[in-house]
């Protein structure tokens, strides 16, 4: 396979604030959110997650953008359908076994997911 045919340069995106107006009623809520979230440090969480995981900020940003764009909802950005399915399986197995040990395994699995979600939210170090 010719590598040059499959290797495109990584895109460069400038993170900019926006307070513009949208006239299409279907996008007024989105415009409001874009303007409001534009006042936050867009990379604060990614810097913390990068520090905790060792994954570069740019790779995390690309992942977040691709995941959100392909998932189509905030839930996909935060956990994803596979993450939700994983949590459901943990609970289902624990309920089916109906033992303290099974519930503890489910708790441990859920704790791991929550730890991953929380990574980077403790603020700059």
PDB file of N, CA and C in Angstrom:
ATOM      1  N   UNK A   1       0.852  -1.176   0.000  1.00  0.00           N
ATOM      2  CA  UNK A   1       0.000   0.000   0.000  1.00  0.00           C
ATOM      3  C   UNK A   1       0.895   1.236   0.000  1.00  0.00           C
ATOM      4  N   UNK A   2       0.555   2.203  -0.829  1.00  0.00           N
ATOM      5  CA  UNK A   2       1.301   3.454  -0.916  1.00  0.00           C
ATOM      6  C   UNK A   2       0.954   4.332   0.274  1.00  0.00           C
ATOM      7  N   UNK A   3       1.970   4.551   1.164  1.00  0.00           N
ATOM      8  CA  UNK A   3       1.722   5.327   2.378  1.00  0.00           C
ATOM      9  C   UNK A   3       1.314   6.754   2.085  1.00  0.00           C
ATOM     10  N   UNK A   4       1.854   7.339   1.018  1.00  0.00           N
ATOM     11  CA  UNK A   4       1.532   8.736   0.719  1.00  0.00           C
ATOM     12  C   UNK A   4       0.065   8.914   0.364  1.00  0.00           C
ATOM     13  N   UNK A   5      -0.572   7.862  -0.140  1.00  0.00           N
ATOM     14  CA  UNK A   5      -1.991   7.955  -0.489  1.00  0.00           C
ATOM     15  C   UNK A   5      -2.881   7.940   0.749  1.00  0.00           C
ATOM     16  N   UNK A   6      -2.400   7.343   1.831  1.00  0.00           N
ATOM     17  CA  UNK A   6      -3.227   7.246   3.031  1.00  0.00           C
ATOM     18  C   UNK A   6      -2.816   8.224   4.120  1.00  0.00           C
ATOM     19  N   UNK A   7      -1.650   8.842   3.975  1.00  0.00           N
ATOM     20  CA  UNK A   7      -1.143   9.746   5.004  1.00  0.00           C
ATOM     21  C   UNK A   7      -1.412  11.195   4.622  1.00  0.00           C
ATOM     22  N   UNK A   8      -2.428  11.750   5.228  1.00  0.00           N
ATOM     23  CA  UNK A   8      -2.718  13.165   5.030  1.00  0.00           C
ATOM     24  C   UNK A   8      -2.177  13.917   6.228  1.00  0.00           C
ATOM     25  N   UNK A   9      -1.784  15.165   6.032  1.00  0.00           N
ATOM     26  CA  UNK A   9      -1.296  15.927   7.191  1.00  0.00           C
ATOM     27  C   UNK A   9      -2.405  16.110   8.219  1.00  0.00           C
ATOM     28  N   UNK A  10      -2.007  16.130   9.502  1.00  0.00           N
ATOM     29  CA  UNK A  10      -2.980  16.366  10.560  1.00  0.00           C
ATOM     30  C   UNK A  10      -3.555  17.771  10.408  1.00  0.00           C
ATOM     31  N   UNK A  11      -4.873  17.912  10.551  1.00  0.00           N
ATOM     32  CA  UNK A  11      -5.467  19.251  10.443  1.00  0.00           C
ATOM     33  C   UNK A  11      -5.071  20.116  11.637  1.00  0.00           C
ATOM     34  N   UNK A  12      -5.029  21.404  11.406  1.00  0.00           N
ATOM     35  CA  UNK A  12      -4.752  22.360  12.478  1.00  0.00           C
ATOM     36  C   UNK A  12      -6.019  23.178  12.673  1.00  0.00           C
ATOM     37  N   UNK A  13      -6.485  23.244  13.919  1.00  0.00           N
ATOM     38  CA  UNK A  13      -7.710  23.963  14.248  1.00  0.00           C
ATOM     39  C   UNK A  13      -7.377  25.027  15.284  1.00  0.00           C
ATOM     40  N   UNK A  14      -7.866  26.228  15.063  1.00  0.00           N
ATOM     41  CA  UNK A  14      -7.702  27.291  16.043  1.00  0.00           C
ATOM     42  C   UNK A  14      -8.934  27.313  16.930  1.00  0.00           C
ATOM     43  N   UNK A  15      -8.722  27.212  18.238  1.00  0.00           N
ATOM     44  CA  UNK A  15      -9.837  27.264  19.174  1.00  0.00           C
ATOM     45  C   UNK A  15     -10.172  28.735  19.403  1.00  0.00           C
ATOM     46  N   UNK A  16     -11.328  29.148  18.919  1.00  0.00           N
ATOM     47  CA  UNK A  16     -11.683  30.562  19.006  1.00  0.00           C
ATOM     48  C   UNK A  16     -13.016  30.744  19.717  1.00  0.00           C
ATOM     49  N   UNK A  17     -13.150  31.912  20.343  1.00  0.00           N
ATOM     50  CA  UNK A  17     -14.421  32.267  20.974  1.00  0.00           C
ATOM     51  C   UNK A  17     -15.337  32.835  19.888  1.00  0.00           C
ATOM     52  N   UNK A  18     -16.640  32.685  20.123  1.00  0.00           N
ATOM     53  CA  UNK A  18     -17.602  33.165  19.135  1.00  0.00           C
ATOM     54  C   UNK A  18     -18.844  33.655  19.854  1.00  0.00           C
ATOM     55  N   UNK A  19     -19.235  34.858  19.540  1.00  0.00           N
ATOM     56  CA  UNK A  19     -20.454  35.448  20.109  1.00  0.00           C
ATOM     57  C   UNK A  19     -21.383  35.938  19.009  1.00  0.00           C
ATOM     58  N   UNK A  20     -21.341  35.280  17.867  1.00  0.00           N
ATOM     59  CA  UNK A  20     -22.134  35.717  16.723  1.00  0.00           C
ATOM     60  C   UNK A  20     -23.611  35.404  16.869  1.00  0.00           C
ATOM     61  N   UNK A  21     -24.344  35.726  15.846  1.00  0.00           N
ATOM     62  CA  UNK A  21     -25.785  35.471  15.832  1.00  0.00           C
ATOM     63  C   UNK A  21     -26.109  34.388  14.818  1.00  0.00           C
ATOM     64  N   UNK A  22     -27.146  33.639  15.115  1.00  0.00           N
ATOM     65  CA  UNK A  22     -27.641  32.611  14.215  1.00  0.00           C
ATOM     66  C   UNK A  22     -29.102  32.922  13.955  1.00  0.00           C
ATOM     67  N   UNK A  23     -29.494  32.944  12.698  1.00  0.00           N
ATOM     68  CA  UNK A  23     -30.882  33.275  12.374  1.00  0.00           C
ATOM     69  C   UNK A  23     -31.763  32.041  12.211  1.00  0.00           C
ATOM     70  N   UNK A  24     -31.163  30.887  11.965  1.00  0.00           N
ATOM     71  CA  UNK A  24     -31.936  29.660  11.815  1.00  0.00           C
ATOM     72  C   UNK A  24     -32.353  29.194  13.210  1.00  0.00           C
ATOM     73  N   UNK A  25     -33.643  29.141  13.489  1.00  0.00           N
ATOM     74  CA  UNK A  25     -34.165  28.802  14.815  1.00  0.00           C
ATOM     75  C   UNK A  25     -33.680  27.442  15.297  1.00  0.00           C
ATOM     76  N   UNK A  26     -33.394  26.528  14.390  1.00  0.00           N
ATOM     77  CA  UNK A  26     -32.945  25.194  14.777  1.00  0.00           C
ATOM     78  C   UNK A  26     -31.576  25.227  15.444  1.00  0.00           C
ATOM     79  N   UNK A  27     -30.816  26.309  15.236  1.00  0.00           N
ATOM     80  CA  UNK A  27     -29.454  26.373  15.750  1.00  0.00           C
ATOM     81  C   UNK A  27     -29.252  27.451  16.810  1.00  0.00           C
ATOM     82  N   UNK A  28     -30.322  28.094  17.259  1.00  0.00           N
ATOM     83  CA  UNK A  28     -30.203  29.139  18.269  1.00  0.00           C
ATOM     84  C   UNK A  28     -29.652  28.576  19.577  1.00  0.00           C
ATOM     85  N   UNK A  29     -30.119  27.421  19.998  1.00  0.00           N
ATOM     86  CA  UNK A  29     -29.618  26.794  21.224  1.00  0.00           C
ATOM     87  C   UNK A  29     -28.145  26.439  21.103  1.00  0.00           C
ATOM     88  N   UNK A  30     -27.754  25.903  19.957  1.00  0.00           N
ATOM     89  CA  UNK A  30     -26.350  25.574  19.719  1.00  0.00           C
ATOM     90  C   UNK A  30     -25.501  26.839  19.778  1.00  0.00           C
ATOM     91  N   UNK A  31     -25.964  27.908  19.137  1.00  0.00           N
ATOM     92  CA  UNK A  31     -25.217  29.166  19.136  1.00  0.00           C
ATOM     93  C   UNK A  31     -25.031  29.693  20.551  1.00  0.00           C
ATOM     94  N   UNK A  32     -26.064  29.594  21.346  1.00  0.00           N
ATOM     95  CA  UNK A  32     -25.990  30.035  22.736  1.00  0.00           C
ATOM     96  C   UNK A  32     -24.966  29.225  23.512  1.00  0.00           C
ATOM     97  N   UNK A  33     -24.972  27.898  23.330  1.00  0.00           N
ATOM     98  CA  UNK A  33     -23.998  27.037  23.995  1.00  0.00           C
ATOM     99  C   UNK A  33     -22.573  27.336  23.533  1.00  0.00           C
ATOM    100  N   UNK A  34     -22.391  27.523  22.223  1.00  0.00           N
ATOM    101  CA  UNK A  34     -21.054  27.813  21.686  1.00  0.00           C
ATOM    102  C   UNK A  34     -20.517  29.093  22.298  1.00  0.00           C
ATOM    103  N   UNK A  35     -21.360  30.110  22.391  1.00  0.00           N
ATOM    104  CA  UNK A  35     -20.938  31.383  22.983  1.00  0.00           C
ATOM    105  C   UNK A  35     -20.629  31.209  24.475  1.00  0.00           C
ATOM    106  N   UNK A  36     -21.471  30.501  25.197  1.00  0.00           N
ATOM    107  CA  UNK A  36     -21.274  30.337  26.640  1.00  0.00           C
ATOM    108  C   UNK A  36     -20.027  29.509  26.947  1.00  0.00           C
ATOM    109  N   UNK A  37     -19.870  28.377  26.285  1.00  0.00           N
ATOM    110  CA  UNK A  37     -18.715  27.523  26.539  1.00  0.00           C
ATOM    111  C   UNK A  37     -17.421  28.144  26.027  1.00  0.00           C
ATOM    112  N   UNK A  38     -17.516  29.095  25.124  1.00  0.00           N
ATOM    113  CA  UNK A  38     -16.342  29.780  24.592  1.00  0.00           C
ATOM    114  C   UNK A  38     -15.589  30.575  25.635  1.00  0.00           C
ATOM    115  N   UNK A  39     -16.212  30.818  26.769  1.00  0.00           N
ATOM    116  CA  UNK A  39     -15.553  31.580  27.829  1.00  0.00           C
ATOM    117  C   UNK A  39     -14.750  30.680  28.772  1.00  0.00           C
ATOM    118  N   UNK A  40     -14.827  29.380  28.577  1.00  0.00           N
ATOM    119  CA  UNK A  40     -14.088  28.433  29.418  1.00  0.00           C
ATOM    120  C   UNK A  40     -12.747  28.094  28.777  1.00  0.00           C
ATOM    121  N   UNK A  41     -11.824  27.596  29.572  1.00  0.00           N
ATOM    122  CA  UNK A  41     -10.554  27.099  29.048  1.00  0.00           C
ATOM    123  C   UNK A  41     -10.837  25.741  28.414  1.00  0.00           C
ATOM    124  N   UNK A  42     -10.854  25.717  27.113  1.00  0.00           N
ATOM    125  CA  UNK A  42     -11.255  24.515  26.381  1.00  0.00           C
ATOM    126  C   UNK A  42     -10.323  23.333  26.587  1.00  0.00           C
ATOM    127  N   UNK A  43      -9.110  23.580  27.014  1.00  0.00           N
ATOM    128  CA  UNK A  43      -8.151  22.495  27.136  1.00  0.00           C
ATOM    129  C   UNK A  43      -7.841  22.099  28.581  1.00  0.00           C
ATOM    130  N   UNK A  44      -8.504  22.712  29.551  1.00  0.00           N
ATOM    131  CA  UNK A  44      -8.193  22.423  30.952  1.00  0.00           C
ATOM    132  C   UNK A  44      -8.343  20.939  31.266  1.00  0.00           C
ATOM    133  N   UNK A  45      -9.443  20.351  30.902  1.00  0.00           N
ATOM    134  CA  UNK A  45      -9.681  18.939  31.185  1.00  0.00           C
ATOM    135  C   UNK A  45      -8.717  18.059  30.401  1.00  0.00           C
ATOM    136  N   UNK A  46      -8.463  18.414  29.150  1.00  0.00           N
ATOM    137  CA  UNK A  46      -7.562  17.596  28.342  1.00  0.00           C
ATOM    138  C   UNK A  46      -6.126  17.657  28.857  1.00  0.00           C
ATOM    139  N   UNK A  47      -5.699  18.812  29.345  1.00  0.00           N
ATOM    140  CA  UNK A  47      -4.349  18.901  29.923  1.00  0.00           C
ATOM    141  C   UNK A  47      -4.241  17.979  31.148  1.00  0.00           C
ATOM    142  N   UNK A  48      -5.259  18.002  32.013  1.00  0.00           N
ATOM    143  CA  UNK A  48      -5.239  17.125  33.185  1.00  0.00           C
ATOM    144  C   UNK A  48      -5.280  15.663  32.807  1.00  0.00           C
ATOM    145  N   UNK A  49      -6.119  15.317  31.843  1.00  0.00           N
ATOM    146  CA  UNK A  49      -6.206  13.936  31.383  1.00  0.00           C
ATOM    147  C   UNK A  49      -4.897  13.511  30.719  1.00  0.00           C
ATOM    148  N   UNK A  50      -4.272  14.435  29.978  1.00  0.00           N
ATOM    149  CA  UNK A  50      -2.986  14.150  29.350  1.00  0.00           C
ATOM    150  C   UNK A  50      -1.929  13.853  30.395  1.00  0.00           C
ATOM    151  N   UNK A  51      -1.899  14.670  31.424  1.00  0.00           N
ATOM    152  CA  UNK A  51      -0.933  14.463  32.501  1.00  0.00           C
ATOM    153  C   UNK A  51      -1.172  13.112  33.193  1.00  0.00           C
ATOM    154  N   UNK A  52      -2.440  12.790  33.428  1.00  0.00           N
ATOM    155  CA  UNK A  52      -2.769  11.547  34.134  1.00  0.00           C
ATOM    156  C   UNK A  52      -2.512  10.314  33.271  1.00  0.00           C
ATOM    157  N   UNK A  53      -2.749  10.421  31.970  1.00  0.00           N
ATOM    158  CA  UNK A  53      -2.682   9.247  31.098  1.00  0.00           C
ATOM    159  C   UNK A  53      -1.393   9.124  30.304  1.00  0.00           C
ATOM    160  N   UNK A  54      -0.704  10.248  30.095  1.00  0.00           N
ATOM    161  CA  UNK A  54       0.483  10.224  29.244  1.00  0.00           C
ATOM    162  C   UNK A  54       0.159  10.349  27.764  1.00  0.00           C
ATOM    163  N   UNK A  55      -1.108  10.557  27.433  1.00  0.00           N
ATOM    164  CA  UNK A  55      -1.516  10.729  26.033  1.00  0.00           C
ATOM    165  C   UNK A  55      -1.419  12.214  25.699  1.00  0.00           C
ATOM    166  N   UNK A  56      -0.811  12.574  24.553  1.00  0.00           N
ATOM    167  CA  UNK A  56      -0.670  13.994  24.211  1.00  0.00           C
ATOM    168  C   UNK A  56      -2.027  14.708  24.092  1.00  0.00           C
ATOM    169  N   UNK A  57      -2.044  15.990  24.477  1.00  0.00           N
ATOM    170  CA  UNK A  57      -3.263  16.793  24.431  1.00  0.00           C
ATOM    171  C   UNK A  57      -3.867  16.788  23.027  1.00  0.00           C
ATOM    172  N   UNK A  58      -3.037  16.933  22.006  1.00  0.00           N
ATOM    173  CA  UNK A  58      -3.542  16.947  20.631  1.00  0.00           C
ATOM    174  C   UNK A  58      -4.241  15.652  20.247  1.00  0.00           C
ATOM    175  N   UNK A  59      -3.695  14.521  20.695  1.00  0.00           N
ATOM    176  CA  UNK A  59      -4.330  13.229  20.406  1.00  0.00           C
ATOM    177  C   UNK A  59      -5.657  13.107  21.141  1.00  0.00           C
ATOM    178  N   UNK A  60      -5.700  13.604  22.376  1.00  0.00           N
ATOM    179  CA  UNK A  60      -6.964  13.585  23.127  1.00  0.00           C
ATOM    180  C   UNK A  60      -7.998  14.492  22.482  1.00  0.00           C
ATOM    181  N   UNK A  61      -7.575  15.673  22.042  1.00  0.00           N
ATOM    182  CA  UNK A  61      -8.506  16.600  21.386  1.00  0.00           C
ATOM    183  C   UNK A  61      -9.067  15.976  20.112  1.00  0.00           C
ATOM    184  N   UNK A  62      -8.208  15.333  19.347  1.00  0.00           N
ATOM    185  CA  UNK A  62      -8.669  14.679  18.116  1.00  0.00           C
ATOM    186  C   UNK A  62      -9.674  13.572  18.446  1.00  0.00           C
ATOM    187  N   UNK A  63      -9.357  12.783  19.484  1.00  0.00           N
ATOM    188  CA  UNK A  63     -10.256  11.717  19.928  1.00  0.00           C
ATOM    189  C   UNK A  63     -11.613  12.287  20.342  1.00  0.00           C
ATOM    190  N   UNK A  64     -11.598  13.329  21.172  1.00  0.00           N
ATOM    191  CA  UNK A  64     -12.846  13.916  21.664  1.00  0.00           C
ATOM    192  C   UNK A  64     -13.676  14.445  20.495  1.00  0.00           C
ATOM    193  N   UNK A  65     -13.039  15.158  19.589  1.00  0.00           N
ATOM    194  CA  UNK A  65     -13.784  15.693  18.447  1.00  0.00           C
ATOM    195  C   UNK A  65     -14.351  14.580  17.580  1.00  0.00           C
ATOM    196  N   UNK A  66     -13.550  13.569  17.288  1.00  0.00           N
ATOM    197  CA  UNK A  66     -14.023  12.464  16.445  1.00  0.00           C
ATOM    198  C   UNK A  66     -15.120  11.679  17.143  1.00  0.00           C
ATOM    199  N   UNK A  67     -14.951  11.440  18.419  1.00  0.00           N
ATOM    200  CA  UNK A  67     -15.939  10.668  19.166  1.00  0.00           C
ATOM    201  C   UNK A  67     -17.265  11.409  19.236  1.00  0.00           C
ATOM    202  N   UNK A  68     -17.224  12.717  19.536  1.00  0.00           N
ATOM    203  CA  UNK A  68     -18.450  13.499  19.627  1.00  0.00           C
ATOM    204  C   UNK A  68     -19.114  13.616  18.260  1.00  0.00           C
ATOM    205  N   UNK A  69     -18.322  13.898  17.258  1.00  0.00           N
ATOM    206  CA  UNK A  69     -18.882  14.071  15.919  1.00  0.00           C
ATOM    207  C   UNK A  69     -19.492  12.778  15.388  1.00  0.00           C
ATOM    208  N   UNK A  70     -18.893  11.639  15.733  1.00  0.00           N
ATOM    209  CA  UNK A  70     -19.442  10.379  15.241  1.00  0.00           C
ATOM    210  C   UNK A  70     -20.567   9.858  16.124  1.00  0.00           C
ATOM    211  N   UNK A  71     -20.608  10.290  17.392  1.00  0.00           N
ATOM    212  CA  UNK A  71     -21.629   9.800  18.308  1.00  0.00           C
ATOM    213  C   UNK A  71     -22.902  10.613  18.272  1.00  0.00           C
ATOM    214  N   UNK A  72     -22.767  11.905  18.021  1.00  0.00           N
ATOM    215  CA  UNK A  72     -23.933  12.750  17.875  1.00  0.00           C
ATOM    216  C   UNK A  72     -24.629  13.153  19.158  1.00  0.00           C
ATOM    217  N   UNK A  73     -24.022  12.952  20.326  1.00  0.00           N
ATOM    218  CA  UNK A  73     -24.673  13.385  21.551  1.00  0.00           C
ATOM    219  C   UNK A  73     -23.652  13.623  22.642  1.00  0.00           C
ATOM    220  N   UNK A  74     -24.027  14.370  23.662  1.00  0.00           N
ATOM    221  CA  UNK A  74     -23.131  14.617  24.781  1.00  0.00           C
ATOM    222  C   UNK A  74     -22.793  13.329  25.517  1.00  0.00           C
ATOM    223  N   UNK A  75     -23.728  12.411  25.570  1.00  0.00           N
ATOM    224  CA  UNK A  75     -23.471  11.149  26.271  1.00  0.00           C
ATOM    225  C   UNK A  75     -22.309  10.406  25.617  1.00  0.00           C
ATOM    226  N   UNK A  76     -22.225  10.448  24.294  1.00  0.00           N
ATOM    227  CA  UNK A  76     -21.126   9.776  23.606  1.00  0.00           C
ATOM    228  C   UNK A  76     -19.801  10.432  23.953  1.00  0.00           C
ATOM    229  N   UNK A  77     -19.795  11.737  24.104  1.00  0.00           N
ATOM    230  CA  UNK A  77     -18.576  12.438  24.484  1.00  0.00           C
ATOM    231  C   UNK A  77     -18.138  12.020  25.876  1.00  0.00           C
ATOM    232  N   UNK A  78     -19.069  11.891  26.782  1.00  0.00           N
ATOM    233  CA  UNK A  78     -18.742  11.598  28.170  1.00  0.00           C
ATOM    234  C   UNK A  78     -18.450  10.130  28.433  1.00  0.00           C
ATOM    235  N   UNK A  79     -19.212   9.248  27.835  1.00  0.00           N
ATOM    236  CA  UNK A  79     -19.060   7.836  28.151  1.00  0.00           C
ATOM    237  C   UNK A  79     -19.144   6.932  26.926  1.00  0.00           C
ATOM    238  N   UNK A  80     -19.995   7.246  26.017  1.00  0.00           N
ATOM    239  CA  UNK A  80     -20.151   6.444  24.817  1.00  0.00           C
ATOM    240  C   UNK A  80     -21.085   5.269  25.027  1.00  0.00           C
ATOM    241  N   UNK A  81     -21.653   4.811  23.931  1.00  0.00           N
ATOM    242  CA  UNK A  81     -22.594   3.688  23.996  1.00  0.00           C
ATOM    243  C   UNK A  81     -21.925   2.438  24.546  1.00  0.00           C
ATOM    244  N   UNK A  82     -20.682   2.204  24.161  1.00  0.00           N
ATOM    245  CA  UNK A  82     -20.000   1.010  24.673  1.00  0.00           C
ATOM    246  C   UNK A  82     -19.763   1.131  26.171  1.00  0.00           C
ATOM    247  N   UNK A  83     -19.504   2.349  26.659  1.00  0.00           N
ATOM    248  CA  UNK A  83     -19.333   2.556  28.094  1.00  0.00           C
ATOM    249  C   UNK A  83     -20.615   2.300  28.857  1.00  0.00           C
ATOM    250  N   UNK A  84     -21.719   2.771  28.315  1.00  0.00           N
ATOM    251  CA  UNK A  84     -23.020   2.540  28.952  1.00  0.00           C
ATOM    252  C   UNK A  84     -23.327   1.039  28.944  1.00  0.00           C
ATOM    253  N   UNK A  85     -23.083   0.383  27.818  1.00  0.00           N
ATOM    254  CA  UNK A  85     -23.312  -1.061  27.728  1.00  0.00           C
ATOM    255  C   UNK A  85     -22.457  -1.807  28.754  1.00  0.00           C
ATOM    256  N   UNK A  86     -21.231  -1.363  28.934  1.00  0.00           N
ATOM    257  CA  UNK A  86     -20.345  -1.989  29.923  1.00  0.00           C
ATOM    258  C   UNK A  86     -20.943  -1.871  31.327  1.00  0.00           C
ATOM    259  N   UNK A  87     -21.437  -0.690  31.687  1.00  0.00           N
ATOM    260  CA  UNK A  87     -22.045  -0.500  33.004  1.00  0.00           C
ATOM    261  C   UNK A  87     -23.286  -1.363  33.168  1.00  0.00           C
ATOM    262  N   UNK A  88     -24.097  -1.450  32.137  1.00  0.00           N
ATOM    263  CA  UNK A  88     -25.312  -2.282  32.186  1.00  0.00           C
ATOM    264  C   UNK A  88     -24.945  -3.745  32.398  1.00  0.00           C
ATOM    265  N   UNK A  89     -23.894  -4.208  31.711  1.00  0.00           N
ATOM    266  CA  UNK A  89     -23.457  -5.596  31.891  1.00  0.00           C
ATOM    267  C   UNK A  89     -22.985  -5.846  33.318  1.00  0.00           C
ATOM    268  N   UNK A  90     -22.239  -4.891  33.879  1.00  0.00           N
ATOM    269  CA  UNK A  90     -21.769  -5.058  35.258  1.00  0.00           C
ATOM    270  C   UNK A  90     -22.948  -5.246  36.207  1.00  0.00           C
ATOM    271  N   UNK A  91     -23.964  -4.419  36.057  1.00  0.00           N
ATOM    272  CA  UNK A  91     -25.142  -4.499  36.934  1.00  0.00           C
ATOM    273  C   UNK A  91     -25.915  -5.782  36.665  1.00  0.00           C
ATOM    274  N   UNK A  92     -26.106  -6.123  35.406  1.00  0.00           N
ATOM    275  CA  UNK A  92     -26.877  -7.327  35.055  1.00  0.00           C
ATOM    276  C   UNK A  92     -26.249  -8.590  35.631  1.00  0.00           C
ATOM    277  N   UNK A  93     -24.929  -8.699  35.516  1.00  0.00           N
ATOM    278  CA  UNK A  93     -24.238  -9.877  36.041  1.00  0.00           C
ATOM    279  C   UNK A  93     -24.377  -9.926  37.561  1.00  0.00           C
ATOM    280  N   UNK A  94     -24.189  -8.775  38.213  1.00  0.00           N
ATOM    281  CA  UNK A  94     -24.306  -8.736  39.681  1.00  0.00           C
ATOM    282  C   UNK A  94     -25.708  -9.108  40.132  1.00  0.00           C
ATOM    283  N   UNK A  95     -26.715  -8.607  39.427  1.00  0.00           N
ATOM    284  CA  UNK A  95     -28.097  -8.935  39.796  1.00  0.00           C
ATOM    285  C   UNK A  95     -28.406 -10.403  39.550  1.00  0.00           C
ATOM    286  N   UNK A  96     -27.881 -10.949  38.453  1.00  0.00           N
ATOM    287  CA  UNK A  96     -28.141 -12.351  38.142  1.00  0.00           C
ATOM    288  C   UNK A  96     -27.475 -13.270  39.170  1.00  0.00           C
ATOM    289  N   UNK A  97     -26.253 -12.942  39.581  1.00  0.00           N
ATOM    290  CA  UNK A  97     -25.555 -13.770  40.571  1.00  0.00           C
ATOM    291  C   UNK A  97     -26.107 -13.539  41.976  1.00  0.00           C
ATOM    292  N   UNK A  98     -26.558 -12.315  42.250  1.00  0.00           N
ATOM    293  CA  UNK A  98     -27.173 -11.956  43.524  1.00  0.00           C
ATOM    294  C   UNK A  98     -26.318 -12.342  44.728  1.00  0.00           C
ATOM    295  N   UNK A  99     -25.019 -12.005  44.627  1.00  0.00           N
ATOM    296  CA  UNK A  99     -24.122 -12.262  45.762  1.00  0.00           C
ATOM    297  C   UNK A  99     -23.371 -10.976  46.097  1.00  0.00           C
ATOM    298  N   UNK A 100     -22.876 -10.919  47.309  1.00  0.00           N
ATOM    299  CA  UNK A 100     -22.067  -9.759  47.713  1.00  0.00           C
ATOM    300  C   UNK A 100     -20.809  -9.660  46.861  1.00  0.00           C
ATOM    301  N   UNK A 101     -20.218 -10.787  46.515  1.00  0.00           N
ATOM    302  CA  UNK A 101     -19.004 -10.796  45.699  1.00  0.00           C
ATOM    303  C   UNK A 101     -19.287 -10.223  44.310  1.00  0.00           C
ATOM    304  N   UNK A 102     -20.410 -10.600  43.716  1.00  0.00           N
ATOM    305  CA  UNK A 102     -20.771 -10.094  42.386  1.00  0.00           C
ATOM    306  C   UNK A 102     -21.043  -8.591  42.444  1.00  0.00           C
ATOM    307  N   UNK A 103     -21.710  -8.147  43.497  1.00  0.00           N
ATOM    308  CA  UNK A 103     -21.961  -6.710  43.644  1.00  0.00           C
ATOM    309  C   UNK A 103     -20.658  -5.945  43.834  1.00  0.00           C
ATOM    310  N   UNK A 104     -19.712  -6.521  44.551  1.00  0.00           N
ATOM    311  CA  UNK A 104     -18.420  -5.878  44.746  1.00  0.00           C
ATOM    312  C   UNK A 104     -17.654  -5.795  43.426  1.00  0.00           C
ATOM    313  N   UNK A 105     -17.719  -6.852  42.604  1.00  0.00           N
ATOM    314  CA  UNK A 105     -17.078  -6.804  41.275  1.00  0.00           C
ATOM    315  C   UNK A 105     -17.715  -5.712  40.425  1.00  0.00           C
ATOM    316  N   UNK A 106     -19.042  -5.588  40.478  1.00  0.00           N
ATOM    317  CA  UNK A 106     -19.735  -4.547  39.717  1.00  0.00           C
ATOM    318  C   UNK A 106     -19.315  -3.168  40.209  1.00  0.00           C
ATOM    319  N   UNK A 107     -19.273  -2.993  41.513  1.00  0.00           N
ATOM    320  CA  UNK A 107     -18.831  -1.714  42.084  1.00  0.00           C
ATOM    321  C   UNK A 107     -17.419  -1.373  41.610  1.00  0.00           C
ATOM    322  N   UNK A 108     -16.516  -2.353  41.657  1.00  0.00           N
ATOM    323  CA  UNK A 108     -15.137  -2.110  41.250  1.00  0.00           C
ATOM    324  C   UNK A 108     -15.072  -1.690  39.783  1.00  0.00           C
ATOM    325  N   UNK A 109     -15.834  -2.366  38.933  1.00  0.00           N
ATOM    326  CA  UNK A 109     -15.869  -2.003  37.517  1.00  0.00           C
ATOM    327  C   UNK A 109     -16.426  -0.607  37.299  1.00  0.00           C
ATOM    328  N   UNK A 110     -17.479  -0.268  38.025  1.00  0.00           N
ATOM    329  CA  UNK A 110     -18.070   1.070  37.905  1.00  0.00           C
ATOM    330  C   UNK A 110     -17.114   2.135  38.435  1.00  0.00           C
ATOM    331  N   UNK A 111     -16.431   1.821  39.533  1.00  0.00           N
ATOM    332  CA  UNK A 111     -15.455   2.752  40.092  1.00  0.00           C
ATOM    333  C   UNK A 111     -14.369   3.057  39.064  1.00  0.00           C
ATOM    334  N   UNK A 112     -13.920   2.047  38.317  1.00  0.00           N
ATOM    335  CA  UNK A 112     -12.900   2.257  37.292  1.00  0.00           C
ATOM    336  C   UNK A 112     -13.400   3.208  36.206  1.00  0.00           C
ATOM    337  N   UNK A 113     -14.648   3.052  35.798  1.00  0.00           N
ATOM    338  CA  UNK A 113     -15.222   3.941  34.779  1.00  0.00           C
ATOM    339  C   UNK A 113     -15.316   5.363  35.308  1.00  0.00           C
ATOM    340  N   UNK A 114     -15.792   5.522  36.523  1.00  0.00           N
ATOM    341  CA  UNK A 114     -15.926   6.860  37.125  1.00  0.00           C
ATOM    342  C   UNK A 114     -14.555   7.508  37.289  1.00  0.00           C
ATOM    343  N   UNK A 115     -13.553   6.725  37.668  1.00  0.00           N
ATOM    344  CA  UNK A 115     -12.193   7.255  37.790  1.00  0.00           C
ATOM    345  C   UNK A 115     -11.716   7.782  36.452  1.00  0.00           C
ATOM    346  N   UNK A 116     -11.990   7.048  35.379  1.00  0.00           N
ATOM    347  CA  UNK A 116     -11.612   7.492  34.036  1.00  0.00           C
ATOM    348  C   UNK A 116     -12.342   8.779  33.679  1.00  0.00           C
ATOM    349  N   UNK A 117     -13.654   8.852  33.972  1.00  0.00           N
ATOM    350  CA  UNK A 117     -14.419  10.057  33.662  1.00  0.00           C
ATOM    351  C   UNK A 117     -13.916  11.257  34.458  1.00  0.00           C
ATOM    352  N   UNK A 118     -13.494  11.024  35.669  1.00  0.00           N
ATOM    353  CA  UNK A 118     -13.069  12.099  36.565  1.00  0.00           C
ATOM    354  C   UNK A 118     -11.664  12.606  36.258  1.00  0.00           C
ATOM    355  N   UNK A 119     -10.850  11.784  35.589  1.00  0.00           N
ATOM    356  CA  UNK A 119      -9.456  12.160  35.323  1.00  0.00           C
ATOM    357  C   UNK A 119      -9.397  13.528  34.643  1.00  0.00           C
ATOM    358  N   UNK A 120      -8.605  14.395  35.187  1.00  0.00           N
ATOM    359  CA  UNK A 120      -8.425  15.717  34.608  1.00  0.00           C
ATOM    360  C   UNK A 120      -9.379  16.770  35.099  1.00  0.00           C
ATOM    361  N   UNK A 121     -10.368  16.403  35.916  1.00  0.00           N
ATOM    362  CA  UNK A 121     -11.347  17.372  36.384  1.00  0.00           C
ATOM    363  C   UNK A 121     -10.968  18.004  37.719  1.00  0.00           C
ATOM    364  N   UNK A 122      -9.860  17.568  38.286  1.00  0.00           N
ATOM    365  CA  UNK A 122      -9.447  18.091  39.593  1.00  0.00           C
ATOM    366  C   UNK A 122      -8.752  19.437  39.483  1.00  0.00           C
ATOM    367  N   UNK A 123      -8.637  19.972  38.295  1.00  0.00           N
ATOM    368  CA  UNK A 123      -7.994  21.271  38.116  1.00  0.00           C
ATOM    369  C   UNK A 123      -6.508  21.126  37.862  1.00  0.00           C
ATOM    370  N   UNK A 124      -5.879  22.218  37.505  1.00  0.00           N
ATOM    371  CA  UNK A 124      -4.446  22.163  37.211  1.00  0.00           C
ATOM    372  C   UNK A 124      -3.635  21.809  38.451  1.00  0.00           C
ATOM    373  N   UNK A 125      -2.543  21.110  38.238  1.00  0.00           N
ATOM    374  CA  UNK A 125      -1.701  20.695  39.357  1.00  0.00           C
ATOM    375  C   UNK A 125      -0.509  21.598  39.473  1.00  0.00           C
TER     376      UNK A 125
END
